[in-house]
């Protein structure tokens, strides 16, 4: 896994160098500021996100926490959290509606998650790497806007470039490993 990290970092550095040369030749100082602030802050956001998710997955593997649910996939859980539209109809005769309501409330209370469990699951979203990178992204945007040198098309292009590079490299790496597995 370390080789893909080196490859991503080296390709991002080469792309940043090419972006720096192109923006300085064709655009001037304002273009250089826009592209560099956008590219570097987007790169930090992507790398921070990757790092925080890797730490979260490593911690779950280390603690042997497996969160697979074969019965329902993630989209079904989001769209139908109470399983109202399932194809399996569970018709049970209810003699006492008050008792059934009490049982359902007790079951829902039992399934409540504590604040600690919620924070544990959102650890990747609230990691220092991601929060710091987003903070730098906002500061860079505000700096460019405050000094009147913000050029939205260049800035958006330089924000999207690291994401495209990383996704392309990861998909390409996955395709290489899947071809090796077939052979």
C-alpha atoms as a PDB file:
ATOM      1  CA  UNK A   1       0.000   0.000   0.000  1.00  0.00           C
ATOM      2  CA  UNK A   2       2.924   2.306   0.532  1.00  0.00           C
ATOM      3  CA  UNK A   3       3.777   2.244  -3.169  1.00  0.00           C
ATOM      4  CA  UNK A   4       0.406   3.707  -4.153  1.00  0.00           C
ATOM      5  CA  UNK A   5       0.892   6.503  -1.599  1.00  0.00           C
ATOM      6  CA  UNK A   6       4.279   7.348  -3.078  1.00  0.00           C
ATOM      7  CA  UNK A   7       2.842   7.212  -6.569  1.00  0.00           C
ATOM      8  CA  UNK A   8      -0.035   9.540  -5.625  1.00  0.00           C
ATOM      9  CA  UNK A   9       2.321  11.986  -3.925  1.00  0.00           C
ATOM     10  CA  UNK A  10       4.790  12.019  -6.815  1.00  0.00           C
ATOM     11  CA  UNK A  11       2.075  12.483  -9.449  1.00  0.00           C
ATOM     12  CA  UNK A  12       0.515  15.297  -7.388  1.00  0.00           C
ATOM     13  CA  UNK A  13       3.885  17.038  -7.076  1.00  0.00           C
ATOM     14  CA  UNK A  14       4.526  16.742 -10.816  1.00  0.00           C
ATOM     15  CA  UNK A  15       1.020  18.011 -11.591  1.00  0.00           C
ATOM     16  CA  UNK A  16       1.508  20.941  -9.214  1.00  0.00           C
ATOM     17  CA  UNK A  17       4.805  21.794 -10.880  1.00  0.00           C
ATOM     18  CA  UNK A  18       3.201  21.697 -14.315  1.00  0.00           C
ATOM     19  CA  UNK A  19       0.287  23.782 -13.053  1.00  0.00           C
ATOM     20  CA  UNK A  20       2.699  26.306 -11.555  1.00  0.00           C
ATOM     21  CA  UNK A  21       4.650  26.643 -14.803  1.00  0.00           C
ATOM     22  CA  UNK A  22       1.512  26.886 -16.947  1.00  0.00           C
ATOM     23  CA  UNK A  23      -0.169  29.442 -14.708  1.00  0.00           C
ATOM     24  CA  UNK A  24       2.942  31.611 -14.451  1.00  0.00           C
ATOM     25  CA  UNK A  25       3.545  31.549 -18.227  1.00  0.00           C
ATOM     26  CA  UNK A  26      -0.050  32.067 -19.343  1.00  0.00           C
ATOM     27  CA  UNK A  27      -1.689  33.885 -16.440  1.00  0.00           C
ATOM     28  CA  UNK A  28       0.648  35.917 -14.292  1.00  0.00           C
ATOM     29  CA  UNK A  29       0.780  36.347 -10.535  1.00  0.00           C
ATOM     30  CA  UNK A  30      -2.971  36.230  -9.916  1.00  0.00           C
ATOM     31  CA  UNK A  31      -3.283  32.932 -11.769  1.00  0.00           C
ATOM     32  CA  UNK A  32      -0.367  31.493  -9.805  1.00  0.00           C
ATOM     33  CA  UNK A  33      -1.984  32.480  -6.498  1.00  0.00           C
ATOM     34  CA  UNK A  34      -5.356  31.042  -7.510  1.00  0.00           C
ATOM     35  CA  UNK A  35      -4.024  27.760  -8.827  1.00  0.00           C
ATOM     36  CA  UNK A  36      -1.537  27.164  -6.034  1.00  0.00           C
ATOM     37  CA  UNK A  37      -3.914  27.955  -3.183  1.00  0.00           C
ATOM     38  CA  UNK A  38      -6.662  25.881  -4.781  1.00  0.00           C
ATOM     39  CA  UNK A  39      -4.449  22.936  -5.696  1.00  0.00           C
ATOM     40  CA  UNK A  40      -2.589  22.749  -2.394  1.00  0.00           C
ATOM     41  CA  UNK A  41      -5.694  23.115  -0.232  1.00  0.00           C
ATOM     42  CA  UNK A  42      -7.629  20.525  -2.273  1.00  0.00           C
ATOM     43  CA  UNK A  43      -4.659  18.160  -2.093  1.00  0.00           C
ATOM     44  CA  UNK A  44      -4.520  18.555   1.670  1.00  0.00           C
ATOM     45  CA  UNK A  45      -8.263  17.859   1.941  1.00  0.00           C
ATOM     46  CA  UNK A  46      -7.966  14.695  -0.156  1.00  0.00           C
ATOM     47  CA  UNK A  47      -4.872  13.420   1.646  1.00  0.00           C
ATOM     48  CA  UNK A  48      -6.363  14.280   5.046  1.00  0.00           C
ATOM     49  CA  UNK A  49      -9.551  12.404   4.179  1.00  0.00           C
ATOM     50  CA  UNK A  50      -7.622   9.374   2.995  1.00  0.00           C
ATOM     51  CA  UNK A  51      -5.467   9.395   6.117  1.00  0.00           C
ATOM     52  CA  UNK A  52      -8.389   9.741   8.519  1.00  0.00           C
ATOM     53  CA  UNK A  53     -10.379   6.942   6.879  1.00  0.00           C
ATOM     54  CA  UNK A  54      -7.322   4.716   6.872  1.00  0.00           C
ATOM     55  CA  UNK A  55      -6.850   5.306  10.599  1.00  0.00           C
ATOM     56  CA  UNK A  56     -10.523   4.554  11.222  1.00  0.00           C
ATOM     57  CA  UNK A  57     -10.399   1.309   9.232  1.00  0.00           C
ATOM     58  CA  UNK A  58      -7.143   0.244  10.881  1.00  0.00           C
ATOM     59  CA  UNK A  59      -8.658   0.849  14.324  1.00  0.00           C
ATOM     60  CA  UNK A  60     -11.726  -1.208  13.430  1.00  0.00           C
ATOM     61  CA  UNK A  61      -9.589  -4.045  12.107  1.00  0.00           C
ATOM     62  CA  UNK A  62      -7.396  -3.936  15.199  1.00  0.00           C
ATOM     63  CA  UNK A  63     -10.443  -4.058  17.493  1.00  0.00           C
ATOM     64  CA  UNK A  64     -12.106  -6.689  15.280  1.00  0.00           C
ATOM     65  CA  UNK A  65     -15.188  -4.540  14.730  1.00  0.00           C
ATOM     66  CA  UNK A  66     -17.026  -5.882  11.713  1.00  0.00           C
ATOM     67  CA  UNK A  67     -19.906  -3.793  10.444  1.00  0.00           C
ATOM     68  CA  UNK A  68     -21.461  -5.888   7.737  1.00  0.00           C
ATOM     69  CA  UNK A  69     -25.157  -6.426   7.388  1.00  0.00           C
ATOM     70  CA  UNK A  70     -25.987  -8.936   4.707  1.00  0.00           C
ATOM     71  CA  UNK A  71     -29.752  -8.503   4.935  1.00  0.00           C
ATOM     72  CA  UNK A  72     -29.937  -4.814   3.994  1.00  0.00           C
ATOM     73  CA  UNK A  73     -27.543  -2.683   2.028  1.00  0.00           C
ATOM     74  CA  UNK A  74     -26.651   0.891   2.941  1.00  0.00           C
ATOM     75  CA  UNK A  75     -29.045   2.537   0.493  1.00  0.00           C
ATOM     76  CA  UNK A  76     -31.976   0.511   1.804  1.00  0.00           C
ATOM     77  CA  UNK A  77     -31.083   1.508   5.351  1.00  0.00           C
ATOM     78  CA  UNK A  78     -31.048   5.180   4.400  1.00  0.00           C
ATOM     79  CA  UNK A  79     -34.223   5.131   2.336  1.00  0.00           C
ATOM     80  CA  UNK A  80     -36.241   2.820   4.601  1.00  0.00           C
ATOM     81  CA  UNK A  81     -34.764   2.819   8.115  1.00  0.00           C
ATOM     82  CA  UNK A  82     -37.849   1.232   9.698  1.00  0.00           C
ATOM     83  CA  UNK A  83     -38.249  -1.439   7.016  1.00  0.00           C
ATOM     84  CA  UNK A  84     -41.703  -0.227   6.022  1.00  0.00           C
ATOM     85  CA  UNK A  85     -41.413  -1.156   2.351  1.00  0.00           C
ATOM     86  CA  UNK A  86     -39.869  -4.577   2.643  1.00  0.00           C
ATOM     87  CA  UNK A  87     -41.186  -7.334   0.456  1.00  0.00           C
ATOM     88  CA  UNK A  88     -41.582  -9.672   3.366  1.00  0.00           C
ATOM     89  CA  UNK A  89     -44.856  -8.855   5.046  1.00  0.00           C
ATOM     90  CA  UNK A  90     -44.820  -9.620   8.735  1.00  0.00           C
ATOM     91  CA  UNK A  91     -48.434  -9.915   9.727  1.00  0.00           C
ATOM     92  CA  UNK A  92     -48.770 -10.756  13.364  1.00  0.00           C
ATOM     93  CA  UNK A  93     -52.084 -10.627  15.093  1.00  0.00           C
ATOM     94  CA  UNK A  94     -52.065  -7.961  17.771  1.00  0.00           C
ATOM     95  CA  UNK A  95     -54.410  -8.579  20.653  1.00  0.00           C
ATOM     96  CA  UNK A  96     -53.337  -5.686  22.828  1.00  0.00           C
ATOM     97  CA  UNK A  97     -52.289  -2.553  20.966  1.00  0.00           C
ATOM     98  CA  UNK A  98     -50.993  -0.854  24.122  1.00  0.00           C
ATOM     99  CA  UNK A  99     -48.683  -3.753  24.888  1.00  0.00           C
ATOM    100  CA  UNK A 100     -47.415  -3.743  21.307  1.00  0.00           C
ATOM    101  CA  UNK A 101     -46.649  -0.015  21.506  1.00  0.00           C
ATOM    102  CA  UNK A 102     -44.788  -0.494  24.795  1.00  0.00           C
ATOM    103  CA  UNK A 103     -42.752  -3.335  23.314  1.00  0.00           C
ATOM    104  CA  UNK A 104     -41.852  -1.243  20.275  1.00  0.00           C
ATOM    105  CA  UNK A 105     -40.800   1.705  22.445  1.00  0.00           C
ATOM    106  CA  UNK A 106     -38.662  -0.588  24.599  1.00  0.00           C
ATOM    107  CA  UNK A 107     -37.048  -2.018  21.472  1.00  0.00           C
ATOM    108  CA  UNK A 108     -36.303   1.472  20.121  1.00  0.00           C
ATOM    109  CA  UNK A 109     -34.802   2.559  23.454  1.00  0.00           C
ATOM    110  CA  UNK A 110     -32.610  -0.520  23.404  1.00  0.00           C
ATOM    111  CA  UNK A 111     -31.290   0.386  19.938  1.00  0.00           C
ATOM    112  CA  UNK A 112     -30.345   3.945  20.885  1.00  0.00           C
ATOM    113  CA  UNK A 113     -26.715   4.777  20.545  1.00  0.00           C
ATOM    114  CA  UNK A 114     -24.765   6.615  23.170  1.00  0.00           C
ATOM    115  CA  UNK A 115     -22.878   9.816  22.499  1.00  0.00           C
ATOM    116  CA  UNK A 116     -19.607   7.895  22.771  1.00  0.00           C
ATOM    117  CA  UNK A 117     -20.670   5.447  20.050  1.00  0.00           C
ATOM    118  CA  UNK A 118     -21.724   8.276  17.732  1.00  0.00           C
ATOM    119  CA  UNK A 119     -18.438  10.119  18.255  1.00  0.00           C
ATOM    120  CA  UNK A 120     -16.539   6.890  17.691  1.00  0.00           C
ATOM    121  CA  UNK A 121     -18.247   6.404  14.322  1.00  0.00           C
ATOM    122  CA  UNK A 122     -17.740  10.020  13.246  1.00  0.00           C
ATOM    123  CA  UNK A 123     -14.078   9.938  14.143  1.00  0.00           C
ATOM    124  CA  UNK A 124     -13.005  10.038  10.484  1.00  0.00           C
ATOM    125  CA  UNK A 125     -15.276  12.951   9.667  1.00  0.00           C
ATOM    126  CA  UNK A 126     -14.018  14.976  12.599  1.00  0.00           C
ATOM    127  CA  UNK A 127     -10.333  14.109  12.400  1.00  0.00           C
ATOM    128  CA  UNK A 128      -7.767  16.832  12.839  1.00  0.00           C
ATOM    129  CA  UNK A 129      -6.381  16.157   9.361  1.00  0.00           C
ATOM    130  CA  UNK A 130      -9.673  16.843   7.597  1.00  0.00           C
ATOM    131  CA  UNK A 131     -10.773  19.757   9.768  1.00  0.00           C
ATOM    132  CA  UNK A 132      -7.370  21.434   9.390  1.00  0.00           C
ATOM    133  CA  UNK A 133      -7.358  20.940   5.631  1.00  0.00           C
ATOM    134  CA  UNK A 134     -10.859  22.392   5.257  1.00  0.00           C
ATOM    135  CA  UNK A 135      -9.830  25.301   7.472  1.00  0.00           C
ATOM    136  CA  UNK A 136      -6.912  26.022   5.125  1.00  0.00           C
ATOM    137  CA  UNK A 137      -9.249  25.726   2.132  1.00  0.00           C
ATOM    138  CA  UNK A 138     -11.598  28.335   3.574  1.00  0.00           C
ATOM    139  CA  UNK A 139      -8.729  30.614   4.611  1.00  0.00           C
ATOM    140  CA  UNK A 140      -7.237  30.431   1.122  1.00  0.00           C
ATOM    141  CA  UNK A 141     -10.558  31.306  -0.485  1.00  0.00           C
ATOM    142  CA  UNK A 142     -11.080  34.208   1.910  1.00  0.00           C
ATOM    143  CA  UNK A 143      -7.535  35.462   1.288  1.00  0.00           C
ATOM    144  CA  UNK A 144      -8.013  35.473  -2.473  1.00  0.00           C
ATOM    145  CA  UNK A 145     -11.422  37.092  -2.194  1.00  0.00           C
ATOM    146  CA  UNK A 146     -10.250  39.723   0.293  1.00  0.00           C
ATOM    147  CA  UNK A 147      -7.378  40.831  -1.942  1.00  0.00           C
ATOM    148  CA  UNK A 148      -9.579  40.900  -5.029  1.00  0.00           C
ATOM    149  CA  UNK A 149      -7.551  38.347  -6.981  1.00  0.00           C
ATOM    150  CA  UNK A 150     -10.038  35.466  -6.869  1.00  0.00           C
ATOM    151  CA  UNK A 151     -10.607  34.046 -10.345  1.00  0.00           C
ATOM    152  CA  UNK A 152     -13.361  31.462  -9.935  1.00  0.00           C
ATOM    153  CA  UNK A 153     -12.699  29.290 -13.057  1.00  0.00           C
ATOM    154  CA  UNK A 154      -8.993  28.896 -12.260  1.00  0.00           C
ATOM    155  CA  UNK A 155      -9.703  28.300  -8.605  1.00  0.00           C
ATOM    156  CA  UNK A 156     -12.368  25.656  -9.297  1.00  0.00           C
ATOM    157  CA  UNK A 157     -10.138  23.956 -11.867  1.00  0.00           C
ATOM    158  CA  UNK A 158      -7.287  23.771  -9.387  1.00  0.00           C
ATOM    159  CA  UNK A 159      -9.661  22.492  -6.685  1.00  0.00           C
ATOM    160  CA  UNK A 160     -10.889  19.647  -8.885  1.00  0.00           C
ATOM    161  CA  UNK A 161      -7.542  18.592 -10.307  1.00  0.00           C
ATOM    162  CA  UNK A 162      -6.183  16.715  -7.227  1.00  0.00           C
ATOM    163  CA  UNK A 163      -9.436  14.795  -6.861  1.00  0.00           C
ATOM    164  CA  UNK A 164      -9.353  13.705 -10.495  1.00  0.00           C
ATOM    165  CA  UNK A 165      -5.701  12.666 -10.234  1.00  0.00           C
ATOM    166  CA  UNK A 166      -6.198  10.648  -7.053  1.00  0.00           C
ATOM    167  CA  UNK A 167      -9.351   8.928  -8.289  1.00  0.00           C
ATOM    168  CA  UNK A 168      -7.683   8.078 -11.610  1.00  0.00           C
ATOM    169  CA  UNK A 169      -4.641   6.620  -9.849  1.00  0.00           C
ATOM    170  CA  UNK A 170      -6.727   4.582  -7.415  1.00  0.00           C
ATOM    171  CA  UNK A 171      -8.982   3.197 -10.145  1.00  0.00           C
ATOM    172  CA  UNK A 172      -5.958   2.446 -12.300  1.00  0.00           C
ATOM    173  CA  UNK A 173      -4.260   0.703  -9.371  1.00  0.00           C
ATOM    174  CA  UNK A 174      -7.402  -1.350  -8.686  1.00  0.00           C
ATOM    175  CA  UNK A 175      -7.569  -2.385 -12.341  1.00  0.00           C
ATOM    176  CA  UNK A 176      -3.928  -3.491 -12.255  1.00  0.00           C
ATOM    177  CA  UNK A 177      -4.510  -5.613  -9.140  1.00  0.00           C
ATOM    178  CA  UNK A 178      -7.688  -7.144 -10.539  1.00  0.00           C
ATOM    179  CA  UNK A 179      -5.873  -8.102 -13.763  1.00  0.00           C
ATOM    180  CA  UNK A 180      -3.122  -9.739 -11.699  1.00  0.00           C
ATOM    181  CA  UNK A 181      -5.726 -11.734  -9.769  1.00  0.00           C
ATOM    182  CA  UNK A 182      -7.278 -13.051 -12.986  1.00  0.00           C
ATOM    183  CA  UNK A 183      -3.987 -14.339 -14.341  1.00  0.00           C
END
